[in-house]
Structure formats: structure tokens, C-alpha cells
């Protein structure tokens, strides 16, 4: 745990700037208010345009803040804009591509549509982050990063992250008792697939939960690997604030408390990955929290 606190201290010494954090926090609060209150009934296309605009403005604010609040230029500006533009494209493709859902609705028997849609959606989500990041690393960055972004055990110890995860459990349990939480979770809903296929009900559920977990691994690869370790070359530790802000916007559409808390979670995980050069701790925390939310939600449902 001592090492994690040292990471926090080092971040504040190198990138702690209260006016900049307040500016970014105010912007994110406005976006959440605009999305969840007056514009809460947007169509999918309108929601995608809204989110794309929010992502873009957030990136521009981060680039401007690098100069205005920190009096530092973006290193290798061309490479920064190339990789951050690709990151924006990945986020929007993941959010906006829904044509596989249309095919499922017309081609798959009704009893299998739910599980087919979930498995297809999560497979597509994994692919959207995994394929571009792995290709960028393999063809452009292997000399700088011998291992895929964040897959280093050099400065990694699992114990602090397991203790942190244990400390989260009471708060997640409390959240699971609220109506808003139970509207969203568990992510796996009752369906007719097992009865239709005449198989044990655990098989489709465990298939979904496994893919759900794999998706979280590549969310970590993208937000705490690609956006922290690669973009950190050009922004330094300020990349942590940008990645956490984008991570917060990534959660738009989920309960407001979860969306807001994702910024703080993104900051913590970003700090840990930036200074340890490892995303394994983030994977432990992310998977642990995700599966606790599933477990407690199932428990509340009885």
C-alpha cells in the first residue's frame, strides 16, 4: 500500500494543478447534466453525436490545458494527434456500430436473440479495443515498449490491489440495495436460451460473464495502457487526467453516481499504471468490482 501512496504523492507533485482539475471536473459535470437531464431521451444517433462532441472538446481542453495551466508544450505534437484521433475513432466505433444487432433481430430465433446479441456485442467491443491497440503496438511501438502497453510485472505486487478491492466491497453492497443500481445490474438478464438449446442454464450465463470479463481486460488495455503509457509520452502525467475524463464520458448512459465515480476511479488506476508501468492492478480492481456488482445484484434479486 505504501507504494501506491507514493504514486499518488508523485502525481500531485508532477501534475497536481487544482484550477485545471476544477476546470475538467466542471466540464464533465456539465456533460453529465446535459446528457442525463434535459437531453436524456436522445435517439442513438443524437447520443453518438453528443458523445463524440464531448470527447473532442475534452481532448481539446486537455491539449489547451497543457500549455495554459502547465506552461508545457505537447511533445511530438503530430504523433499525439495521430494516436489520440485513432483513440477517438475506437471509442465511437465501439459505441456506434449496431448493425450486428439488426441482423440478429431478423435472422436468429427469438429465444436465442438475447444471448446472441450479448455475446456478439461484447465480442465486438473486445475486438474494437484489442485489434487496433495490438496492431499499433506491434507495427509502430515494439521498440519502445517490449510488451503490450501495461503488461509488465516489474513493479507489480497484487496484495495492495486485493486489499483495496476488499475495502470496496461494503460500498458496492450498499449500492446494490438502491433502485438505480438494480435497474442496470446484473448485466446478465434472464432469457430463454438454455431452455431452447436444452442445456444447463449455467452455460450461457458463464459464457456471458467470461466475455464480460475479457471486455474489462481490454478496457484496461485501452484506458490505462494505450491512453496512459503511449499518450503519456506526449503529455507526461497530465495524460492521466485526460484518460480519466474520457473514461468518465465512456460511462455516459449508466447511473449518474457510477458515471461520476468513474472519473475518480480512472484517476487512481491511471496514476497506478503510469508510475508502475503495469495495468495488472487495474485489471484486478476492475474485474473484482465488476463481478462483485454482478454477484450482489444477483443476491438482491434472490
Protein backbone atom coordinates (compact mmCIF):
# COMPACT_ATOMS: atom_id res chain seq x y z
CA UNK A 1 0.00 0.00 0.00
CA UNK A 2 2.91 2.34 0.75
CA UNK A 3 4.00 2.23 -2.88
CA UNK A 4 0.52 3.20 -4.08
CA UNK A 5 0.51 6.21 -1.77
CA UNK A 6 3.93 7.18 -3.11
CA UNK A 7 2.49 7.06 -6.63
CA UNK A 8 -0.30 9.43 -5.55
CA UNK A 9 2.20 11.80 -3.97
CA UNK A 10 4.42 11.75 -7.04
CA UNK A 11 1.47 12.50 -9.31
CA UNK A 12 0.43 15.51 -7.24
CA UNK A 13 3.99 16.84 -7.24
CA UNK A 14 4.31 16.48 -11.01
CA UNK A 15 0.78 17.18 -12.29
CA UNK A 16 -1.32 18.42 -9.37
CA UNK A 17 -2.98 21.61 -10.56
CA UNK A 18 -6.20 22.45 -8.75
CA UNK A 19 -7.53 25.05 -11.27
CA UNK A 20 -7.03 22.60 -14.14
CA UNK A 21 -8.71 19.77 -12.24
CA UNK A 22 -11.62 22.07 -11.35
CA UNK A 23 -11.99 23.10 -14.99
CA UNK A 24 -12.07 19.49 -16.19
CA UNK A 25 -14.38 18.47 -13.35
CA UNK A 26 -16.79 21.31 -14.12
CA UNK A 27 -16.83 20.38 -17.80
CA UNK A 28 -17.56 16.72 -17.01
CA UNK A 29 -20.31 17.72 -14.57
CA UNK A 30 -21.93 19.85 -17.27
CA UNK A 31 -21.78 17.00 -19.78
CA UNK A 32 -23.38 14.59 -17.32
CA UNK A 33 -26.10 17.12 -16.50
CA UNK A 34 -26.80 17.73 -20.19
CA UNK A 35 -26.87 14.03 -21.00
CA UNK A 36 -28.94 12.77 -18.08
CA UNK A 37 -31.42 15.60 -17.58
CA UNK A 38 -32.75 17.73 -20.44
CA UNK A 39 -31.37 15.53 -23.21
CA UNK A 40 -31.93 12.20 -21.55
CA UNK A 41 -34.25 10.90 -24.31
CA UNK A 42 -31.92 11.35 -27.27
CA UNK A 43 -32.02 8.91 -30.16
CA UNK A 44 -29.00 6.63 -30.61
CA UNK A 45 -27.66 8.83 -33.42
CA UNK A 46 -28.12 12.02 -31.37
CA UNK A 47 -26.47 10.35 -28.39
CA UNK A 48 -23.48 9.34 -30.52
CA UNK A 49 -23.08 12.89 -31.86
CA UNK A 50 -23.38 14.26 -28.32
CA UNK A 51 -20.74 11.85 -27.02
CA UNK A 52 -18.39 12.49 -29.96
CA UNK A 53 -18.62 16.22 -29.33
CA UNK A 54 -17.95 15.72 -25.62
CA UNK A 55 -14.92 13.51 -26.33
CA UNK A 56 -13.50 16.03 -28.82
CA UNK A 57 -13.93 19.05 -26.53
CA UNK A 58 -12.35 17.11 -23.66
CA UNK A 59 -9.28 16.34 -25.79
CA UNK A 60 -9.02 19.98 -26.91
CA UNK A 61 -9.32 21.18 -23.30
CA UNK A 62 -6.53 18.77 -22.27
CA UNK A 63 -4.27 19.98 -25.08
CA UNK A 64 -5.00 23.63 -24.24
CA UNK A 65 -4.56 22.98 -20.52
CA UNK A 66 -1.12 21.50 -21.13
CA UNK A 67 0.00 24.92 -22.36
CA UNK A 68 -2.14 27.25 -20.23
CA UNK A 69 -2.05 25.57 -16.81
CA UNK A 70 1.30 23.78 -17.01
CA UNK A 71 3.19 26.04 -19.44
CA UNK A 72 4.41 22.96 -21.29
CA UNK A 73 4.18 22.05 -24.94
CA UNK A 74 2.86 18.71 -26.14
CA UNK A 75 5.85 16.59 -27.06
CA UNK A 76 5.85 15.30 -30.65
CA UNK A 77 2.57 17.03 -31.37
CA UNK A 78 1.96 15.20 -34.64
CA UNK A 79 2.19 11.78 -33.01
CA UNK A 80 -0.04 12.88 -30.15
CA UNK A 81 -2.81 13.98 -32.51
CA UNK A 82 -2.44 10.89 -34.66
CA UNK A 83 -2.83 8.46 -31.78
CA UNK A 84 -5.49 10.43 -29.92
CA UNK A 85 -7.55 10.69 -33.12
CA UNK A 86 -7.36 6.91 -33.52
CA UNK A 87 -8.38 6.55 -29.88
CA UNK A 88 -11.42 8.75 -30.54
CA UNK A 89 -12.32 6.62 -33.57
CA UNK A 90 -12.11 3.43 -31.46
CA UNK A 91 -14.43 4.91 -28.83
CA UNK A 92 -17.01 6.00 -31.40
CA UNK A 93 -16.94 2.77 -33.42
CA UNK A 94 -17.42 0.77 -30.23
CA UNK A 95 -20.36 2.96 -29.26
CA UNK A 96 -21.98 3.50 -32.63
CA UNK A 97 -21.82 0.24 -34.58
CA UNK A 98 -25.15 -1.54 -34.08
CA UNK A 99 -25.76 -3.28 -37.42
CA UNK A 100 -24.98 -6.72 -35.98
CA UNK A 101 -27.97 -6.20 -33.66
CA UNK A 102 -30.24 -5.61 -36.65
CA UNK A 103 -29.05 -8.87 -38.25
CA UNK A 104 -29.69 -10.82 -35.03
CA UNK A 105 -33.23 -9.45 -34.74
CA UNK A 106 -34.07 -10.69 -38.24
CA UNK A 107 -32.06 -13.92 -38.51
CA UNK A 108 -31.87 -15.52 -35.04
CA UNK A 109 -34.76 -17.34 -33.31
CA UNK A 110 -36.46 -15.17 -30.70
CA UNK A 111 -35.45 -17.43 -27.78
CA UNK A 112 -31.77 -17.04 -28.67
CA UNK A 113 -31.80 -13.35 -29.54
CA UNK A 114 -30.83 -12.07 -26.11
CA UNK A 115 -27.79 -14.31 -25.60
CA UNK A 116 -26.74 -14.00 -29.26
CA UNK A 117 -26.91 -10.21 -29.03
CA UNK A 118 -24.96 -10.07 -25.77
CA UNK A 119 -22.21 -12.41 -26.92
CA UNK A 120 -21.92 -10.61 -30.26
CA UNK A 121 -21.93 -7.15 -28.72
CA UNK A 122 -19.23 -7.99 -26.18
CA UNK A 123 -17.12 -9.80 -28.79
CA UNK A 124 -17.32 -6.69 -30.98
CA UNK A 125 -16.42 -4.46 -28.03
CA UNK A 126 -13.35 -6.57 -27.25
CA UNK A 127 -12.30 -6.51 -30.90
CA UNK A 128 -12.77 -2.73 -31.17
CA UNK A 129 -10.16 -2.06 -28.48
CA UNK A 130 -7.95 -5.15 -28.79
CA UNK A 131 -7.28 -5.21 -32.52
CA UNK A 132 -6.24 -1.55 -33.13
CA UNK A 133 -4.18 -1.30 -29.93
CA UNK A 134 -2.36 -4.56 -30.62
CA UNK A 135 -1.68 -3.56 -34.24
CA UNK A 136 -0.38 -0.12 -33.25
CA UNK A 137 1.90 -1.67 -30.66
CA UNK A 138 3.14 -4.46 -32.95
CA UNK A 139 3.87 -2.39 -36.04
CA UNK A 140 4.81 1.00 -34.57
CA UNK A 141 5.88 0.70 -30.94
CA UNK A 142 7.55 -2.61 -30.08
CA UNK A 143 10.97 -0.95 -29.91
CA UNK A 144 9.75 1.48 -27.27
CA UNK A 145 7.52 -0.99 -25.42
CA UNK A 146 8.81 -4.59 -25.49
CA UNK A 147 5.46 -5.74 -24.05
CA UNK A 148 1.95 -4.66 -24.92
CA UNK A 149 1.06 -1.46 -23.07
CA UNK A 150 0.98 -2.16 -19.35
CA UNK A 151 1.69 -5.90 -19.42
CA UNK A 152 4.69 -5.60 -17.14
CA UNK A 153 5.17 -7.32 -13.79
CA UNK A 154 8.38 -5.45 -12.88
CA UNK A 155 6.76 -3.02 -10.40
CA UNK A 156 3.59 -5.00 -9.77
CA UNK A 157 2.51 -6.58 -6.49
CA UNK A 158 -1.07 -7.94 -6.24
CA UNK A 159 -1.52 -7.54 -2.48
CA UNK A 160 -2.25 -3.76 -2.34
CA UNK A 161 -4.86 -4.10 -5.07
CA UNK A 162 -6.53 -7.06 -3.36
CA UNK A 163 -6.70 -5.08 -0.11
CA UNK A 164 -8.22 -2.12 -1.99
CA UNK A 165 -10.74 -4.42 -3.62
CA UNK A 166 -11.73 -5.81 -0.23
CA UNK A 167 -12.27 -2.27 1.08
CA UNK A 168 -14.66 -1.55 -1.81
CA UNK A 169 -16.95 -4.49 -1.02
CA UNK A 170 -19.16 -2.78 1.64
CA UNK A 171 -19.76 0.23 -0.60
CA UNK A 172 -20.66 -1.94 -3.58
CA UNK A 173 -23.02 -3.95 -1.41
CA UNK A 174 -24.69 -0.74 -0.23
CA UNK A 175 -25.02 0.46 -3.83
CA UNK A 176 -26.63 -2.85 -4.77
CA UNK A 177 -29.55 -2.06 -2.46
CA UNK A 178 -30.52 1.07 -4.44
CA UNK A 179 -33.19 1.01 -7.18
CA UNK A 180 -30.97 2.75 -9.74
CA UNK A 181 -28.30 0.07 -9.36
CA UNK A 182 -30.77 -2.77 -9.82
CA UNK A 183 -32.13 -1.19 -13.00
CA UNK A 184 -28.66 -1.62 -14.52
CA UNK A 185 -27.32 -4.75 -12.81
CA UNK A 186 -26.85 -7.65 -13.09
CA UNK A 187 -25.72 -7.23 -16.68
CA UNK A 188 -26.80 -10.79 -17.43
CA UNK A 189 -30.59 -10.94 -17.61
CA UNK A 190 -32.93 -13.93 -17.54
CA UNK A 191 -33.52 -15.37 -21.02
CA UNK A 192 -34.78 -18.46 -22.85
CA UNK A 193 -31.51 -19.68 -24.41
CA UNK A 194 -30.88 -22.60 -22.05
CA UNK A 195 -34.43 -23.92 -22.39
CA UNK A 196 -34.36 -23.54 -26.18
CA UNK A 197 -31.00 -25.30 -26.53
CA UNK A 198 -31.85 -27.82 -23.77
CA UNK A 199 -28.64 -27.11 -21.88
CA UNK A 200 -27.81 -26.21 -18.30
CA UNK A 201 -28.67 -22.56 -17.52
CA UNK A 202 -25.14 -22.03 -16.20
CA UNK A 203 -23.62 -22.46 -19.68
CA UNK A 204 -24.99 -19.29 -21.33
CA UNK A 205 -24.57 -17.34 -18.09
CA UNK A 206 -20.92 -18.30 -17.64
CA UNK A 207 -20.25 -17.71 -21.35
CA UNK A 208 -21.60 -14.20 -20.99
CA UNK A 209 -19.74 -13.50 -17.74
CA UNK A 210 -16.44 -14.74 -19.22
CA UNK A 211 -16.75 -12.45 -22.23
CA UNK A 212 -17.90 -9.62 -19.96
CA UNK A 213 -14.65 -10.03 -18.00
CA UNK A 214 -12.49 -10.16 -21.13
CA UNK A 215 -14.05 -6.89 -22.22
CA UNK A 216 -12.93 -5.30 -18.95
CA UNK A 217 -9.38 -6.51 -19.55
CA UNK A 218 -9.24 -4.66 -22.85
CA UNK A 219 -10.94 -1.61 -21.38
CA UNK A 220 -7.90 -1.51 -19.08
CA UNK A 221 -5.56 -2.05 -22.03
CA UNK A 222 -7.14 0.93 -23.80
CA UNK A 223 -7.67 3.42 -20.96
CA UNK A 224 -4.75 2.55 -18.67
CA UNK A 225 -2.36 1.12 -21.27
CA UNK A 226 -2.80 2.91 -24.58
CA UNK A 227 -4.05 6.27 -23.22
CA UNK A 228 -1.71 6.37 -20.23
CA UNK A 229 1.54 4.76 -21.36
CA UNK A 230 1.50 5.80 -25.03
CA UNK A 231 -0.20 9.21 -24.77
CA UNK A 232 1.77 9.83 -21.58
CA UNK A 233 4.89 10.21 -23.72
CA UNK A 234 3.44 13.39 -25.18
CA UNK A 235 1.53 14.81 -22.19
CA UNK A 236 3.51 13.38 -19.29
CA UNK A 237 1.45 12.60 -16.16
CA UNK A 238 -1.27 15.01 -17.38
CA UNK A 239 -2.33 12.15 -19.64
CA UNK A 240 -3.81 10.58 -16.51
CA UNK A 241 -6.36 13.42 -16.23
CA UNK A 242 -7.26 13.19 -19.93
CA UNK A 243 -7.68 9.40 -19.75
CA UNK A 244 -9.82 9.65 -16.60
CA UNK A 245 -12.01 12.30 -18.25
CA UNK A 246 -12.55 10.17 -21.35
CA UNK A 247 -13.23 7.19 -19.10
CA UNK A 248 -15.93 9.20 -17.31
CA UNK A 249 -17.57 10.12 -20.65
CA UNK A 250 -17.29 6.46 -21.68
CA UNK A 251 -19.79 5.71 -18.87
CA UNK A 252 -22.49 8.12 -20.07
CA UNK A 253 -25.80 6.30 -20.03
CA UNK A 254 -25.07 4.45 -16.80
CA UNK A 255 -26.35 5.62 -13.38
CA UNK A 256 -25.09 9.15 -12.61
CA UNK A 257 -23.22 8.05 -9.47
CA UNK A 258 -21.36 5.38 -11.45
CA UNK A 259 -20.51 7.83 -14.23
CA UNK A 260 -19.19 10.43 -11.79
CA UNK A 261 -17.24 7.92 -9.70
CA UNK A 262 -15.60 6.53 -12.83
CA UNK A 263 -13.56 9.75 -13.08
CA UNK A 264 -12.06 9.22 -9.64
CA UNK A 265 -11.56 5.51 -10.30
CA UNK A 266 -9.94 6.37 -13.61
CA UNK A 267 -7.61 8.82 -11.87
CA UNK A 268 -6.50 6.22 -9.32
CA UNK A 269 -6.00 3.44 -11.84
CA UNK A 270 -4.29 5.86 -14.23
CA UNK A 271 -1.84 7.02 -11.57
CA UNK A 272 -1.04 3.44 -10.60
CA UNK A 273 -0.48 2.34 -14.21
CA UNK A 274 1.53 5.45 -15.19
CA UNK A 275 4.07 5.09 -12.40
CA UNK A 276 4.20 1.29 -12.18
CA UNK A 277 4.02 0.84 -15.99
CA UNK A 278 1.63 -2.04 -15.27
CA UNK A 279 -2.11 -2.47 -15.79
CA UNK A 280 -2.37 -5.72 -13.82
CA UNK A 281 -3.52 -3.88 -10.71
CA UNK A 282 -6.23 -2.14 -12.73
CA UNK A 283 -7.34 -5.47 -14.16
CA UNK A 284 -7.64 -6.93 -10.64
CA UNK A 285 -9.67 -3.97 -9.39
CA UNK A 286 -11.83 -3.65 -12.50
CA UNK A 287 -12.69 -7.32 -12.72
CA UNK A 288 -13.17 -7.56 -8.97
CA UNK A 289 -15.55 -4.60 -8.83
CA UNK A 290 -17.44 -5.74 -11.94
CA UNK A 291 -18.00 -9.26 -10.66
CA UNK A 292 -18.91 -8.04 -7.16
CA UNK A 293 -21.55 -5.82 -8.75
CA UNK A 294 -22.89 -8.81 -10.65
CA UNK A 295 -22.81 -11.03 -7.57
CA UNK A 296 -24.50 -8.54 -5.24
CA UNK A 297 -27.14 -7.75 -7.88
CA UNK A 298 -27.94 -11.47 -8.28
CA UNK A 299 -28.09 -11.70 -4.49
CA UNK A 300 -30.56 -8.80 -4.26
CA UNK A 301 -32.73 -10.43 -6.92
CA UNK A 302 -32.78 -13.62 -4.87
